[in-house]
Amino acid sequence: MTRIVLHVDRLVLRGVAPGDAAALGEALRAELGRRLAQPGALDALRAANGQHRLDAGRLRLAPERGTAALGKAVARRIIPGGEP
């Protein structure tokens, strides 16, 4: 078993209500954990080896999709591939 420690020093969320930040962070953490458990996840991280900053780019979701959907979308940008 491989142990992975992922440290997010700073997460910049523009356009997210302050009251939604904790729920979004939890959704992101949960989805990153799920994605890291998938086969091939380490290959995606190795490809980014040495990067000190990762820009997930712009994400636009309808507000009714909620913070869980946004957390999953950000995780897909950080660790691409696997199931959506």
Protein backbone atom coordinates (compact mmCIF):
# COMPACT_ATOMS: atom_id res chain seq x y z
CA MET A 1 0.00 0.00 0.00
CA THR A 2 1.25 3.46 -0.92
CA ARG A 3 0.75 6.32 1.48
CA ILE A 4 -0.07 9.65 -0.08
CA VAL A 5 -0.02 12.92 1.80
CA LEU A 6 -1.55 15.82 -0.08
CA HIS A 7 -1.17 19.21 1.55
CA VAL A 8 -3.30 22.09 0.29
CA ASP A 9 -1.62 25.21 1.55
CA ARG A 10 -4.16 27.63 0.15
CA LEU A 11 -7.44 27.20 -1.68
CA VAL A 12 -8.69 30.34 -3.40
CA LEU A 13 -12.43 30.32 -4.00
CA ARG A 14 -13.75 33.29 -5.90
CA GLY A 15 -17.50 33.58 -6.16
CA VAL A 16 -18.20 31.14 -3.32
CA ALA A 17 -20.23 32.41 -0.38
CA PRO A 18 -18.19 32.36 2.84
CA GLY A 19 -20.83 30.16 4.47
CA ASP A 20 -20.30 27.53 1.75
CA ALA A 21 -16.51 27.36 2.07
CA ALA A 22 -16.42 24.61 4.72
CA ALA A 23 -18.87 22.38 2.83
CA LEU A 24 -16.94 22.92 -0.40
CA GLY A 25 -13.65 22.05 1.31
CA GLU A 26 -15.15 18.85 2.71
CA ALA A 27 -16.57 17.87 -0.69
CA LEU A 28 -13.16 18.51 -2.26
CA ARG A 29 -11.39 16.45 0.41
CA ALA A 30 -13.79 13.55 -0.01
CA GLU A 31 -13.53 13.53 -3.81
CA LEU A 32 -9.73 13.82 -3.76
CA GLY A 33 -9.61 10.83 -1.41
CA ARG A 34 -11.87 8.85 -3.72
CA ARG A 35 -9.84 9.79 -6.80
CA LEU A 36 -6.51 8.99 -5.13
CA ALA A 37 -7.82 5.50 -4.41
CA GLN A 38 -8.44 4.88 -8.13
CA PRO A 39 -5.91 3.06 -10.32
CA GLY A 40 -3.71 5.49 -12.23
CA ALA A 41 -4.13 8.37 -9.79
CA LEU A 42 -0.46 8.28 -8.86
CA ASP A 43 0.51 8.57 -12.52
CA ALA A 44 -1.45 11.83 -12.77
CA LEU A 45 0.29 13.18 -9.68
CA ARG A 46 3.73 12.06 -10.88
CA ALA A 47 3.16 13.96 -14.12
CA ALA A 48 2.87 17.14 -12.04
CA ASN A 49 5.94 16.31 -9.91
CA GLY A 50 7.86 19.38 -8.92
CA GLN A 51 5.01 21.82 -9.38
CA HIS A 52 4.60 24.13 -6.45
CA ARG A 53 1.32 25.54 -7.66
CA LEU A 54 -1.62 23.99 -9.43
CA ASP A 55 -4.17 26.15 -11.18
CA ALA A 56 -7.43 24.26 -11.69
CA GLY A 57 -8.65 26.97 -14.05
CA ARG A 58 -12.13 28.43 -14.23
CA LEU A 59 -15.08 26.31 -13.30
CA ARG A 60 -18.62 27.43 -13.91
CA LEU A 61 -21.49 25.49 -12.44
CA ALA A 62 -25.10 26.46 -12.06
CA PRO A 63 -25.70 27.63 -8.48
CA GLU A 64 -28.32 24.95 -7.93
CA ARG A 65 -25.66 22.26 -8.43
CA GLY A 66 -24.30 23.11 -4.97
CA THR A 67 -20.99 22.93 -3.19
CA ALA A 68 -20.64 19.13 -3.46
CA ALA A 69 -20.69 19.34 -7.26
CA LEU A 70 -18.15 22.16 -7.22
CA GLY A 71 -15.85 20.20 -4.88
CA LYS A 72 -15.99 17.22 -7.24
CA ALA A 73 -15.30 19.41 -10.28
CA VAL A 74 -12.21 20.94 -8.63
CA ALA A 75 -10.95 17.47 -7.65
CA ARG A 76 -11.32 16.33 -11.28
CA ARG A 77 -9.08 19.20 -12.33
CA ILE A 78 -6.44 18.28 -9.75
CA ILE A 79 -6.53 14.53 -10.45
CA PRO A 80 -7.96 13.97 -13.93
CA GLY A 81 -9.13 10.66 -15.31
CA GLY A 82 -11.16 7.90 -13.79
CA GLU A 83 -14.88 8.03 -13.46
CA PRO A 84 -16.56 11.46 -13.52
